[in-house]
């Protein structure tokens, strides 16, 4: 009686095919990511100085904002800095740039990044907690490097851009610090208190409590306003 032959090994296509597809997909994803990083780096280096390809400086930032249709007099440059977690206004590192550039969303040539910036602004302005974080972020971001306080010119410009539309009282407060000149700089406590003050005190000052622990600057402002009411 002839010996029995061993059964031929059956290739399990249900296992091999998905594995092949998974490997092919991974390779494709890796290739796309590499291509995107190269494009992103090329876009980034369009704005860097020739002697430092890892940093966009003030001139480069201005050119970048112009290219994506962002006005320097709007809140959008601050929004971009906030989303990139940038350390210093007017400068963008490669790491900061890459942190928000995603292959599926942002490309130079089709304007999707510019649209994303507008969506960031809408989201920040409509979310009270994120708006607060954005406002507090802007102090360290916009003040001069190495300084503990912010100069009045910068402070009033930012208040005008990101506070005045939401809180009408800001307009007269800016007038106060510009005309009366009670301080030369705004410190961190005054900066953070400004947002709380805007939320707590209406434009007509009706519920202002002088016994509350507001910084002296706000008491001086209220006294100045009451003289003209």
N, C-alpha and C. Protein backbone atom coordinates (compact mmCIF):
# COMPACT_ATOMS: atom_id res chain seq x y z
N UNK A 1 0.85 -1.19 0.00
CA UNK A 1 0.00 0.00 0.00
C UNK A 1 0.88 1.24 0.00
N UNK A 2 0.75 2.09 -1.02
CA UNK A 2 1.65 3.26 -1.12
C UNK A 2 1.47 4.20 0.06
N UNK A 3 2.61 4.80 0.48
CA UNK A 3 2.52 5.73 1.64
C UNK A 3 1.65 6.94 1.30
N UNK A 4 0.96 7.44 2.39
CA UNK A 4 0.11 8.60 2.20
C UNK A 4 0.95 9.87 2.04
N UNK A 5 0.55 10.66 1.08
CA UNK A 5 1.23 11.94 0.90
C UNK A 5 0.73 12.97 1.93
N UNK A 6 1.66 13.86 2.35
CA UNK A 6 1.27 14.92 3.27
C UNK A 6 0.40 15.93 2.53
N UNK A 7 -0.60 16.40 3.21
CA UNK A 7 -1.49 17.40 2.60
C UNK A 7 -0.72 18.68 2.32
N UNK A 8 -0.96 19.23 1.13
CA UNK A 8 -0.26 20.46 0.74
C UNK A 8 -0.66 21.60 1.69
N UNK A 9 0.36 22.35 2.07
CA UNK A 9 0.10 23.48 2.96
C UNK A 9 -0.77 24.53 2.27
N UNK A 10 -1.83 24.90 2.91
CA UNK A 10 -2.74 25.88 2.33
C UNK A 10 -2.34 27.28 2.75
N UNK A 11 -2.16 28.14 1.77
CA UNK A 11 -1.81 29.53 2.06
C UNK A 11 -3.07 30.28 2.47
N UNK A 12 -3.04 30.82 3.65
CA UNK A 12 -4.20 31.55 4.16
C UNK A 12 -4.20 32.96 3.60
N UNK A 13 -4.92 33.12 2.51
CA UNK A 13 -4.97 34.43 1.84
C UNK A 13 -5.62 35.49 2.72
N UNK A 14 -6.51 35.07 3.62
CA UNK A 14 -7.19 36.04 4.48
C UNK A 14 -6.24 36.71 5.46
N UNK A 15 -5.08 36.04 5.69
CA UNK A 15 -4.07 36.61 6.58
C UNK A 15 -3.03 37.39 5.80
N UNK A 16 -2.54 36.81 4.70
CA UNK A 16 -1.44 37.39 3.93
C UNK A 16 -1.85 38.66 3.20
N UNK A 17 -3.00 38.68 2.55
CA UNK A 17 -3.42 39.84 1.77
C UNK A 17 -3.58 41.08 2.64
N UNK A 18 -4.31 41.01 3.76
CA UNK A 18 -4.41 42.21 4.61
C UNK A 18 -3.04 42.68 5.12
N UNK A 19 -2.14 41.71 5.40
CA UNK A 19 -0.81 42.08 5.88
C UNK A 19 -0.06 42.84 4.79
N UNK A 20 -0.16 42.37 3.57
CA UNK A 20 0.50 43.05 2.45
C UNK A 20 -0.08 44.46 2.26
N UNK A 21 -1.40 44.55 2.36
CA UNK A 21 -2.04 45.85 2.21
C UNK A 21 -1.60 46.81 3.32
N UNK A 22 -1.48 46.28 4.53
CA UNK A 22 -1.06 47.09 5.67
C UNK A 22 0.35 47.62 5.48
N UNK A 23 1.24 46.74 4.99
CA UNK A 23 2.63 47.14 4.75
C UNK A 23 2.69 48.20 3.65
N UNK A 24 1.91 47.97 2.57
CA UNK A 24 1.90 48.91 1.45
C UNK A 24 1.35 50.27 1.90
N UNK A 25 0.32 50.23 2.74
CA UNK A 25 -0.27 51.48 3.23
C UNK A 25 0.72 52.23 4.11
N UNK A 26 1.45 51.50 4.93
CA UNK A 26 2.44 52.11 5.82
C UNK A 26 3.54 52.78 5.00
N UNK A 27 3.99 52.09 3.96
CA UNK A 27 5.02 52.66 3.09
C UNK A 27 4.51 53.93 2.40
N UNK A 28 3.25 53.87 1.96
CA UNK A 28 2.66 55.03 1.28
C UNK A 28 2.54 56.21 2.24
N UNK A 29 2.11 55.94 3.47
CA UNK A 29 1.99 56.99 4.48
C UNK A 29 3.34 57.61 4.80
N UNK A 30 4.36 56.75 4.93
CA UNK A 30 5.71 57.23 5.21
C UNK A 30 6.22 58.11 4.07
N UNK A 31 5.96 57.67 2.84
CA UNK A 31 6.40 58.43 1.67
C UNK A 31 5.70 59.79 1.60
N UNK A 32 4.39 59.79 1.89
CA UNK A 32 3.64 61.05 1.87
C UNK A 32 4.12 62.00 2.95
N UNK A 33 4.41 61.44 4.14
CA UNK A 33 4.90 62.27 5.24
C UNK A 33 6.25 62.88 4.89
N UNK A 34 7.10 62.09 4.26
CA UNK A 34 8.42 62.58 3.87
C UNK A 34 8.28 63.70 2.83
N UNK A 35 7.39 63.47 1.86
CA UNK A 35 7.17 64.49 0.83
C UNK A 35 6.63 65.77 1.44
N UNK A 36 5.68 65.61 2.38
CA UNK A 36 5.10 66.79 3.01
C UNK A 36 6.15 67.54 3.82
N UNK A 37 6.97 66.82 4.58
CA UNK A 37 8.00 67.48 5.38
C UNK A 37 8.97 68.25 4.49
N UNK A 38 9.27 67.69 3.33
CA UNK A 38 10.17 68.38 2.39
C UNK A 38 9.51 69.66 1.88
N UNK A 39 8.20 69.56 1.54
CA UNK A 39 7.47 70.74 1.07
C UNK A 39 7.37 71.79 2.18
N UNK A 40 7.08 71.31 3.39
CA UNK A 40 6.93 72.22 4.52
C UNK A 40 8.24 72.92 4.83
N UNK A 41 9.33 72.17 4.75
CA UNK A 41 10.66 72.75 5.01
C UNK A 41 10.99 73.77 3.93
N UNK A 42 10.65 73.47 2.70
CA UNK A 42 10.90 74.41 1.60
C UNK A 42 10.11 75.69 1.81
N UNK A 43 8.85 75.55 2.23
CA UNK A 43 8.01 76.72 2.50
C UNK A 43 8.57 77.52 3.67
N UNK A 44 8.98 76.82 4.72
CA UNK A 44 9.56 77.48 5.90
C UNK A 44 10.81 78.27 5.52
N UNK A 45 11.69 77.64 4.75
CA UNK A 45 12.96 78.27 4.39
C UNK A 45 12.80 79.44 3.43
N UNK A 46 11.62 79.56 2.85
CA UNK A 46 11.32 80.71 1.99
C UNK A 46 11.39 82.00 2.81
N UNK A 47 11.18 81.89 4.12
CA UNK A 47 11.12 83.08 4.98
C UNK A 47 12.30 83.21 5.94
N UNK A 48 13.20 82.24 5.96
CA UNK A 48 14.34 82.30 6.87
C UNK A 48 15.48 83.12 6.27
N UNK A 49 16.39 83.55 7.15
CA UNK A 49 17.60 84.23 6.68
C UNK A 49 18.57 83.19 6.12
N UNK A 50 19.39 83.61 5.21
CA UNK A 50 20.33 82.69 4.57
C UNK A 50 21.30 82.07 5.57
N UNK A 51 21.60 82.80 6.66
CA UNK A 51 22.58 82.30 7.62
C UNK A 51 21.95 81.49 8.76
N UNK A 52 20.62 81.36 8.75
CA UNK A 52 19.97 80.55 9.78
C UNK A 52 18.68 79.97 9.22
N UNK A 53 18.78 78.72 8.77
CA UNK A 53 17.64 78.06 8.13
C UNK A 53 16.68 77.44 9.14
N UNK A 54 16.92 77.63 10.44
CA UNK A 54 16.07 77.05 11.47
C UNK A 54 15.20 78.10 12.16
N UNK A 55 15.23 79.35 11.66
CA UNK A 55 14.49 80.41 12.34
C UNK A 55 13.98 81.45 11.35
N UNK A 56 12.69 81.78 11.48
CA UNK A 56 12.11 82.89 10.72
C UNK A 56 12.15 84.12 11.63
N UNK A 57 12.73 85.20 11.15
CA UNK A 57 12.83 86.44 11.92
C UNK A 57 11.70 87.40 11.58
N UNK A 58 11.76 88.62 12.11
CA UNK A 58 10.68 89.60 11.90
C UNK A 58 10.35 89.87 10.44
N UNK A 59 11.36 90.07 9.61
CA UNK A 59 11.09 90.33 8.19
C UNK A 59 10.43 89.12 7.53
N UNK A 60 10.90 87.94 7.88
CA UNK A 60 10.32 86.72 7.32
C UNK A 60 8.89 86.51 7.78
N UNK A 61 8.63 86.82 9.05
CA UNK A 61 7.26 86.69 9.58
C UNK A 61 6.32 87.63 8.83
N UNK A 62 6.78 88.84 8.59
CA UNK A 62 5.94 89.80 7.87
C UNK A 62 5.64 89.31 6.46
N UNK A 63 6.66 88.76 5.81
CA UNK A 63 6.45 88.23 4.45
C UNK A 63 5.49 87.04 4.47
N UNK A 64 5.64 86.17 5.46
CA UNK A 64 4.75 85.01 5.61
C UNK A 64 3.31 85.45 5.81
N UNK A 65 3.09 86.40 6.71
CA UNK A 65 1.73 86.88 6.97
C UNK A 65 1.13 87.54 5.73
N UNK A 66 1.95 88.29 5.01
CA UNK A 66 1.47 88.91 3.78
C UNK A 66 1.05 87.86 2.77
N UNK A 67 1.85 86.80 2.65
CA UNK A 67 1.57 85.74 1.67
C UNK A 67 0.26 85.00 1.97
N UNK A 68 -0.09 84.87 3.26
CA UNK A 68 -1.32 84.15 3.59
C UNK A 68 -2.48 85.10 3.87
N UNK A 69 -2.26 86.40 3.58
CA UNK A 69 -3.33 87.37 3.71
C UNK A 69 -3.69 87.75 5.12
N UNK A 70 -2.70 87.72 6.02
CA UNK A 70 -2.94 88.06 7.42
C UNK A 70 -2.43 89.47 7.71
N UNK A 71 -3.31 90.33 8.20
CA UNK A 71 -2.94 91.70 8.53
C UNK A 71 -2.20 91.73 9.86
N UNK A 72 -1.12 92.51 9.92
CA UNK A 72 -0.37 92.66 11.16
C UNK A 72 -1.17 93.44 12.20
N UNK A 73 -2.22 94.10 11.78
CA UNK A 73 -3.05 94.88 12.70
C UNK A 73 -4.26 94.09 13.18
N UNK A 74 -4.30 92.81 12.86
CA UNK A 74 -5.38 91.94 13.31
C UNK A 74 -4.89 91.03 14.43
N UNK A 75 -5.80 90.21 14.97
CA UNK A 75 -5.43 89.27 16.02
C UNK A 75 -4.77 88.02 15.46
N UNK A 76 -4.80 87.85 14.15
CA UNK A 76 -4.34 86.59 13.55
C UNK A 76 -2.86 86.27 13.79
N UNK A 77 -1.93 87.24 13.73
CA UNK A 77 -0.54 86.89 14.06
C UNK A 77 -0.41 86.34 15.48
N UNK A 78 -1.19 86.90 16.41
CA UNK A 78 -1.18 86.39 17.80
C UNK A 78 -1.79 84.99 17.85
N UNK A 79 -2.83 84.76 17.07
CA UNK A 79 -3.47 83.45 17.02
C UNK A 79 -2.48 82.40 16.51
N UNK A 80 -1.74 82.73 15.47
CA UNK A 80 -0.75 81.79 14.92
C UNK A 80 0.33 81.50 15.96
N UNK A 81 0.81 82.55 16.64
CA UNK A 81 1.80 82.35 17.69
C UNK A 81 1.27 81.46 18.80
N UNK A 82 0.02 81.66 19.16
CA UNK A 82 -0.60 80.86 20.22
C UNK A 82 -0.69 79.39 19.83
N UNK A 83 -1.14 79.13 18.62
CA UNK A 83 -1.30 77.74 18.17
C UNK A 83 0.04 77.05 17.98
N UNK A 84 1.07 77.81 17.60
CA UNK A 84 2.41 77.25 17.45
C UNK A 84 3.14 77.13 18.78
N UNK A 85 2.54 77.71 19.85
CA UNK A 85 3.19 77.78 21.16
C UNK A 85 4.54 78.49 21.06
N UNK A 86 4.53 79.54 20.29
CA UNK A 86 5.77 80.30 20.06
C UNK A 86 6.20 81.02 21.33
N UNK A 87 7.49 81.20 21.46
CA UNK A 87 8.05 81.82 22.65
C UNK A 87 8.16 83.34 22.50
N UNK A 88 8.41 83.78 21.28
CA UNK A 88 8.73 85.20 21.08
C UNK A 88 8.04 85.73 19.83
N UNK A 89 7.34 86.86 19.97
CA UNK A 89 6.64 87.44 18.84
C UNK A 89 7.64 87.90 17.78
N UNK A 90 7.32 87.62 16.52
CA UNK A 90 8.19 88.02 15.43
C UNK A 90 9.22 86.96 15.05
N UNK A 91 9.16 85.81 15.72
CA UNK A 91 10.11 84.73 15.43
C UNK A 91 9.35 83.39 15.42
N UNK A 92 9.71 82.53 14.47
CA UNK A 92 9.13 81.19 14.39
C UNK A 92 10.25 80.20 14.18
N UNK A 93 10.38 79.24 15.09
CA UNK A 93 11.39 78.20 14.92
C UNK A 93 10.82 77.08 14.04
N UNK A 94 11.71 76.23 13.54
CA UNK A 94 11.26 75.11 12.71
C UNK A 94 10.35 74.17 13.52
N UNK A 95 10.68 73.94 14.79
CA UNK A 95 9.87 73.08 15.63
C UNK A 95 8.46 73.66 15.83
N UNK A 96 8.40 74.98 16.04
CA UNK A 96 7.10 75.63 16.21
C UNK A 96 6.28 75.55 14.92
N UNK A 97 6.94 75.78 13.82
CA UNK A 97 6.28 75.72 12.51
C UNK A 97 5.71 74.32 12.26
N UNK A 98 6.54 73.32 12.47
CA UNK A 98 6.15 71.95 12.17
C UNK A 98 5.05 71.45 13.10
N UNK A 99 4.93 72.05 14.30
CA UNK A 99 3.94 71.59 15.26
C UNK A 99 2.50 71.77 14.78
N UNK A 100 2.27 72.70 13.85
CA UNK A 100 0.90 72.92 13.36
C UNK A 100 0.72 72.55 11.90
N UNK A 101 1.79 72.24 11.22
CA UNK A 101 1.69 71.87 9.81
C UNK A 101 1.44 70.38 9.69
N UNK A 102 0.24 70.01 9.27
CA UNK A 102 -0.13 68.60 9.15
C UNK A 102 -0.40 68.25 7.68
N UNK A 103 0.09 67.09 7.23
CA UNK A 103 -0.05 66.72 5.82
C UNK A 103 -1.47 66.76 5.29
N UNK A 104 -2.43 66.37 6.14
CA UNK A 104 -3.81 66.29 5.66
C UNK A 104 -4.52 67.63 5.63
N UNK A 105 -3.89 68.68 6.17
CA UNK A 105 -4.59 69.96 6.29
C UNK A 105 -3.92 71.13 5.58
N UNK A 106 -2.61 71.28 5.76
CA UNK A 106 -2.02 72.56 5.42
C UNK A 106 -0.99 72.46 4.29
N UNK A 107 -1.29 73.15 3.22
CA UNK A 107 -0.35 73.24 2.12
C UNK A 107 -0.27 74.69 1.66
N UNK A 108 0.89 75.08 1.26
CA UNK A 108 1.12 76.46 0.83
C UNK A 108 0.26 76.81 -0.39
N UNK A 109 0.21 75.90 -1.33
CA UNK A 109 -0.32 76.26 -2.63
C UNK A 109 -1.85 76.36 -2.71
N UNK A 110 -2.57 75.72 -1.79
CA UNK A 110 -4.02 75.75 -1.94
C UNK A 110 -4.74 76.59 -0.88
N UNK A 111 -4.00 77.30 -0.05
CA UNK A 111 -4.61 78.24 0.88
C UNK A 111 -5.29 77.63 2.08
N UNK A 112 -5.13 76.33 2.30
CA UNK A 112 -5.81 75.70 3.44
C UNK A 112 -5.28 76.19 4.78
N UNK A 113 -4.01 76.55 4.84
CA UNK A 113 -3.47 77.05 6.11
C UNK A 113 -4.13 78.36 6.49
N UNK A 114 -4.30 79.24 5.52
CA UNK A 114 -4.95 80.53 5.79
C UNK A 114 -6.37 80.32 6.30
N UNK A 115 -7.09 79.36 5.73
CA UNK A 115 -8.44 79.06 6.19
C UNK A 115 -8.42 78.48 7.60
N UNK A 116 -7.40 77.67 7.88
CA UNK A 116 -7.27 77.08 9.22
C UNK A 116 -7.04 78.15 10.27
N UNK A 117 -6.27 79.18 9.93
CA UNK A 117 -6.00 80.27 10.87
C UNK A 117 -7.30 80.99 11.23
N UNK A 118 -8.15 81.22 10.25
CA UNK A 118 -9.44 81.86 10.51
C UNK A 118 -10.32 80.99 11.41
N UNK A 119 -10.25 79.69 11.22
CA UNK A 119 -11.01 78.77 12.06
C UNK A 119 -10.45 78.77 13.48
N UNK A 120 -9.13 78.85 13.62
CA UNK A 120 -8.51 78.95 14.95
C UNK A 120 -9.05 80.18 15.68
N UNK A 121 -9.07 81.30 14.98
CA UNK A 121 -9.54 82.54 15.60
C UNK A 121 -10.99 82.39 16.04
N UNK A 122 -11.84 81.85 15.18
CA UNK A 122 -13.25 81.68 15.51
C UNK A 122 -13.41 80.80 16.75
N UNK A 123 -12.66 79.72 16.80
CA UNK A 123 -12.74 78.80 17.92
C UNK A 123 -12.28 79.45 19.23
N UNK A 124 -11.19 80.19 19.16
CA UNK A 124 -10.65 80.85 20.36
C UNK A 124 -11.63 81.90 20.88
N UNK A 125 -12.14 82.71 19.98
CA UNK A 125 -13.01 83.80 20.40
C UNK A 125 -14.37 83.32 20.93
N UNK A 126 -14.78 82.13 20.55
CA UNK A 126 -16.08 81.62 20.96
C UNK A 126 -16.00 80.71 22.18
N UNK A 127 -14.80 80.40 22.63
CA UNK A 127 -14.61 79.53 23.79
C UNK A 127 -13.99 80.35 24.92
N UNK A 128 -14.75 80.60 25.97
CA UNK A 128 -14.31 81.51 27.03
C UNK A 128 -13.02 81.08 27.69
N UNK A 129 -12.87 79.80 27.96
CA UNK A 129 -11.66 79.33 28.64
C UNK A 129 -10.44 79.44 27.72
N UNK A 130 -10.61 79.05 26.46
CA UNK A 130 -9.47 79.16 25.54
C UNK A 130 -9.14 80.62 25.26
N UNK A 131 -10.14 81.46 25.20
CA UNK A 131 -9.92 82.90 25.01
C UNK A 131 -9.07 83.45 26.16
N UNK A 132 -9.36 83.01 27.37
CA UNK A 132 -8.57 83.45 28.53
C UNK A 132 -7.12 82.99 28.40
N UNK A 133 -6.94 81.72 28.02
CA UNK A 133 -5.58 81.20 27.85
C UNK A 133 -4.84 81.94 26.74
N UNK A 134 -5.54 82.26 25.68
CA UNK A 134 -4.97 83.02 24.57
C UNK A 134 -4.54 84.41 25.03
N UNK A 135 -5.41 85.06 25.80
CA UNK A 135 -5.10 86.40 26.31
C UNK A 135 -3.88 86.36 27.23
N UNK A 136 -3.84 85.42 28.16
CA UNK A 136 -2.71 85.31 29.10
C UNK A 136 -1.42 84.97 28.36
N UNK A 137 -1.51 84.11 27.35
CA UNK A 137 -0.34 83.75 26.54
C UNK A 137 0.28 84.98 25.90
N UNK A 138 -0.55 85.91 25.46
CA UNK A 138 -0.05 87.05 24.68
C UNK A 138 0.88 87.95 25.48
N UNK A 139 0.82 87.91 26.81
CA UNK A 139 1.70 88.76 27.61
C UNK A 139 3.16 88.35 27.44
N UNK A 140 3.49 87.11 27.74
CA UNK A 140 4.88 86.64 27.60
C UNK A 140 5.32 86.64 26.14
N UNK A 141 4.38 86.36 25.26
CA UNK A 141 4.70 86.29 23.84
C UNK A 141 5.08 87.65 23.27
N UNK A 142 4.35 88.70 23.67
CA UNK A 142 4.51 90.01 23.02
C UNK A 142 5.45 90.97 23.75
N UNK A 143 5.70 90.75 25.03
CA UNK A 143 6.59 91.67 25.73
C UNK A 143 8.02 91.52 25.23
N UNK A 144 8.82 92.54 25.42
CA UNK A 144 10.21 92.53 24.95
C UNK A 144 10.98 91.40 25.62
N UNK A 145 11.84 90.76 24.87
CA UNK A 145 12.62 89.64 25.37
C UNK A 145 13.49 90.08 26.55
N UNK A 146 13.40 89.33 27.64
CA UNK A 146 14.21 89.64 28.81
C UNK A 146 13.58 90.62 29.77
N UNK A 147 12.43 91.21 29.41
CA UNK A 147 11.75 92.17 30.28
C UNK A 147 10.61 91.48 31.05
N UNK A 148 10.34 91.97 32.24
CA UNK A 148 9.27 91.40 33.05
C UNK A 148 7.92 92.05 32.75
N UNK A 149 7.95 93.27 32.20
CA UNK A 149 6.72 94.01 31.91
C UNK A 149 6.61 94.32 30.42
N UNK A 150 5.44 94.77 30.02
CA UNK A 150 5.18 95.11 28.63
C UNK A 150 5.04 96.62 28.49
N UNK A 151 5.63 97.18 27.44
CA UNK A 151 5.50 98.62 27.24
C UNK A 151 4.07 98.98 26.90
N UNK A 152 3.70 100.20 27.24
CA UNK A 152 2.32 100.67 27.08
C UNK A 152 1.85 100.59 25.63
N UNK A 153 2.71 100.95 24.71
CA UNK A 153 2.32 100.95 23.29
C UNK A 153 1.89 99.56 22.83
N UNK A 154 2.68 98.54 23.22
CA UNK A 154 2.33 97.17 22.84
C UNK A 154 1.07 96.71 23.55
N UNK A 155 0.97 97.02 24.83
CA UNK A 155 -0.19 96.60 25.61
C UNK A 155 -1.48 97.17 25.05
N UNK A 156 -1.50 98.47 24.78
CA UNK A 156 -2.73 99.09 24.26
C UNK A 156 -3.08 98.58 22.87
N UNK A 157 -2.06 98.28 22.06
CA UNK A 157 -2.31 97.75 20.72
C UNK A 157 -2.99 96.39 20.80
N UNK A 158 -2.52 95.54 21.72
CA UNK A 158 -3.11 94.20 21.86
C UNK A 158 -4.50 94.29 22.48
N UNK A 159 -4.66 95.15 23.48
CA UNK A 159 -6.00 95.33 24.06
C UNK A 159 -7.00 95.76 22.99
N UNK A 160 -6.57 96.66 22.14
CA UNK A 160 -7.44 97.13 21.07
C UNK A 160 -7.81 95.99 20.13
N UNK A 161 -6.86 95.13 19.84
CA UNK A 161 -7.07 94.05 18.87
C UNK A 161 -7.93 92.92 19.42
N UNK A 162 -7.65 92.49 20.66
CA UNK A 162 -8.32 91.27 21.13
C UNK A 162 -9.33 91.47 22.26
N UNK A 163 -9.39 92.69 22.84
CA UNK A 163 -10.34 92.91 23.93
C UNK A 163 -11.47 93.88 23.58
N UNK A 164 -11.13 94.92 22.82
CA UNK A 164 -12.07 96.03 22.66
C UNK A 164 -13.41 95.64 22.02
N UNK A 165 -13.40 94.72 21.07
CA UNK A 165 -14.65 94.32 20.42
C UNK A 165 -15.58 93.59 21.38
N UNK A 166 -15.00 92.86 22.32
CA UNK A 166 -15.80 92.10 23.28
C UNK A 166 -16.21 92.94 24.48
N UNK A 167 -15.36 93.89 24.84
CA UNK A 167 -15.60 94.67 26.05
C UNK A 167 -15.42 96.17 25.75
N UNK A 168 -16.52 96.92 25.58
CA UNK A 168 -16.47 98.34 25.22
C UNK A 168 -15.69 99.21 26.21
N UNK A 169 -15.61 98.79 27.48
CA UNK A 169 -14.91 99.59 28.48
C UNK A 169 -13.42 99.76 28.15
N UNK A 170 -12.90 98.87 27.34
CA UNK A 170 -11.48 98.91 26.99
C UNK A 170 -11.10 100.21 26.27
N UNK A 171 -12.01 100.72 25.46
CA UNK A 171 -11.72 101.94 24.70
C UNK A 171 -11.35 103.10 25.61
N UNK A 172 -12.14 103.33 26.65
CA UNK A 172 -11.83 104.44 27.56
C UNK A 172 -10.64 104.13 28.45
N UNK A 173 -10.42 102.86 28.74
CA UNK A 173 -9.24 102.49 29.53
C UNK A 173 -7.96 102.78 28.76
N UNK A 174 -7.97 102.47 27.47
CA UNK A 174 -6.81 102.77 26.62
C UNK A 174 -6.59 104.29 26.57
N UNK A 175 -7.68 105.03 26.44
CA UNK A 175 -7.56 106.50 26.44
C UNK A 175 -6.93 106.98 27.74
N UNK A 176 -7.33 106.40 28.85
CA UNK A 176 -6.81 106.77 30.16
C UNK A 176 -5.29 106.58 30.24
N UNK A 177 -4.81 105.41 29.87
CA UNK A 177 -3.36 105.15 30.00
C UNK A 177 -2.54 105.95 28.99
N UNK A 178 -3.16 106.31 27.87
CA UNK A 178 -2.45 107.09 26.86
C UNK A 178 -2.43 108.58 27.19
N UNK A 179 -3.52 109.10 27.76
CA UNK A 179 -3.63 110.53 28.03
C UNK A 179 -3.06 110.89 29.41
N UNK A 180 -3.48 110.17 30.41
CA UNK A 180 -3.05 110.46 31.79
C UNK A 180 -1.64 109.95 32.06
N UNK A 181 -1.28 108.86 31.38
CA UNK A 181 0.04 108.23 31.54
C UNK A 181 0.34 107.89 33.00
N UNK A 182 -0.53 107.11 33.65
CA UNK A 182 -0.30 106.75 35.05
C UNK A 182 0.85 105.76 35.26
N UNK A 183 1.16 104.99 34.21
CA UNK A 183 2.25 104.00 34.28
C UNK A 183 3.01 104.01 32.96
N UNK A 184 4.25 103.55 33.03
CA UNK A 184 5.07 103.47 31.83
C UNK A 184 5.04 102.08 31.20
N UNK A 185 4.75 101.08 32.03
CA UNK A 185 4.69 99.70 31.56
C UNK A 185 3.52 98.99 32.24
N UNK A 186 3.13 97.84 31.68
CA UNK A 186 2.09 97.01 32.26
C UNK A 186 2.73 95.72 32.76
N UNK A 187 2.57 95.44 34.06
CA UNK A 187 3.16 94.21 34.59
C UNK A 187 2.19 93.04 34.43
N UNK A 188 2.65 91.87 34.80
CA UNK A 188 1.85 90.66 34.57
C UNK A 188 0.55 90.66 35.37
N UNK A 189 0.58 91.16 36.59
CA UNK A 189 -0.62 91.22 37.41
C UNK A 189 -1.65 92.16 36.81
N UNK A 190 -1.20 93.31 36.35
CA UNK A 190 -2.11 94.26 35.71
C UNK A 190 -2.69 93.68 34.43
N UNK A 191 -1.84 92.96 33.70
CA UNK A 191 -2.30 92.35 32.44
C UNK A 191 -3.39 91.32 32.69
N UNK A 192 -3.16 90.40 33.60
CA UNK A 192 -4.16 89.36 33.86
C UNK A 192 -5.42 89.95 34.49
N UNK A 193 -5.26 90.99 35.33
CA UNK A 193 -6.41 91.63 35.97
C UNK A 193 -7.28 92.37 34.96
N UNK A 194 -6.68 92.80 33.88
CA UNK A 194 -7.43 93.56 32.87
C UNK A 194 -8.60 92.75 32.32
N UNK A 195 -8.38 91.50 32.02
CA UNK A 195 -9.46 90.66 31.49
C UNK A 195 -10.55 90.46 32.55
N UNK A 196 -10.15 90.21 33.79
CA UNK A 196 -11.12 90.04 34.87
C UNK A 196 -11.92 91.33 35.08
N UNK A 197 -11.24 92.46 35.00
CA UNK A 197 -11.90 93.76 35.15
C UNK A 197 -12.94 93.97 34.05
N UNK A 198 -12.59 93.65 32.84
CA UNK A 198 -13.51 93.81 31.70
C UNK A 198 -14.75 92.94 31.87
N UNK A 199 -14.58 91.75 32.40
CA UNK A 199 -15.71 90.85 32.60
C UNK A 199 -16.59 91.30 33.76
N UNK A 200 -15.99 91.88 34.79
CA UNK A 200 -16.72 92.19 36.01
C UNK A 200 -17.37 93.57 36.02
N UNK A 201 -16.78 94.51 35.28
CA UNK A 201 -17.22 95.90 35.38
C UNK A 201 -17.82 96.37 34.05
N UNK A 202 -19.05 96.84 34.05
CA UNK A 202 -19.66 97.34 32.81
C UNK A 202 -19.11 98.72 32.45
N UNK A 203 -19.42 99.15 31.26
CA UNK A 203 -18.87 100.42 30.78
C UNK A 203 -19.31 101.61 31.63
N UNK A 204 -20.48 101.52 32.23
CA UNK A 204 -20.96 102.64 33.06
C UNK A 204 -20.43 102.59 34.50
N UNK A 205 -19.62 101.58 34.82
CA UNK A 205 -18.95 101.44 36.13
C UNK A 205 -19.92 101.24 37.29
N UNK A 206 -21.17 100.89 37.04
CA UNK A 206 -22.19 100.84 38.08
C UNK A 206 -21.88 99.87 39.22
N UNK A 207 -21.28 98.74 38.91
CA UNK A 207 -21.03 97.77 39.99
C UNK A 207 -19.56 97.70 40.39
N UNK A 208 -18.81 98.74 40.10
CA UNK A 208 -17.40 98.74 40.50
C UNK A 208 -17.30 98.85 42.02
N UNK A 209 -16.53 97.96 42.62
CA UNK A 209 -16.34 97.94 44.07
C UNK A 209 -14.91 98.36 44.39
N UNK A 210 -14.76 99.54 44.93
CA UNK A 210 -13.42 100.07 45.22
C UNK A 210 -12.72 99.31 46.34
N UNK A 211 -13.49 98.51 47.10
CA UNK A 211 -12.87 97.73 48.18
C UNK A 211 -12.31 96.40 47.68
N UNK A 212 -12.61 96.07 46.44
CA UNK A 212 -12.06 94.84 45.86
C UNK A 212 -10.57 94.99 45.64
N UNK A 213 -9.90 93.88 45.50
CA UNK A 213 -8.44 93.91 45.41
C UNK A 213 -7.95 94.11 43.97
N UNK A 214 -8.46 95.16 43.31
CA UNK A 214 -7.95 95.49 41.98
C UNK A 214 -6.60 96.19 42.11
N UNK A 215 -5.72 96.04 41.13
CA UNK A 215 -4.49 96.84 41.13
C UNK A 215 -4.83 98.33 41.15
N UNK A 216 -3.97 99.14 41.73
CA UNK A 216 -4.20 100.58 41.88
C UNK A 216 -4.52 101.23 40.54
N UNK A 217 -3.94 100.73 39.47
CA UNK A 217 -4.17 101.29 38.14
C UNK A 217 -5.66 101.34 37.81
N UNK A 218 -6.41 100.34 38.21
CA UNK A 218 -7.84 100.29 37.90
C UNK A 218 -8.63 101.25 38.78
N UNK A 219 -8.21 101.41 40.03
CA UNK A 219 -8.85 102.42 40.88
C UNK A 219 -8.64 103.81 40.30
N UNK A 220 -7.44 104.08 39.83
CA UNK A 220 -7.14 105.38 39.23
C UNK A 220 -7.97 105.61 37.98
N UNK A 221 -8.15 104.57 37.20
CA UNK A 221 -8.96 104.68 35.99
C UNK A 221 -10.40 105.03 36.33
N UNK A 222 -10.97 104.33 37.31
CA UNK A 222 -12.36 104.57 37.69
C UNK A 222 -12.52 106.00 38.22
N UNK A 223 -11.58 106.46 39.03
CA UNK A 223 -11.64 107.82 39.55
C UNK A 223 -11.61 108.82 38.40
N UNK A 224 -10.77 108.59 37.43
CA UNK A 224 -10.66 109.46 36.25
C UNK A 224 -11.97 109.46 35.46
N UNK A 225 -12.57 108.30 35.28
CA UNK A 225 -13.83 108.20 34.54
C UNK A 225 -14.96 108.90 35.28
N UNK A 226 -15.02 108.73 36.57
CA UNK A 226 -16.11 109.30 37.36
C UNK A 226 -16.11 110.83 37.35
N UNK A 227 -14.97 111.40 37.10
CA UNK A 227 -14.89 112.85 37.01
C UNK A 227 -15.64 113.40 35.80
N UNK A 228 -15.78 112.54 34.79
CA UNK A 228 -16.45 112.99 33.56
C UNK A 228 -17.86 112.43 33.42
N UNK A 229 -18.30 111.64 34.38
CA UNK A 229 -19.64 111.05 34.30
C UNK A 229 -20.69 111.98 34.93
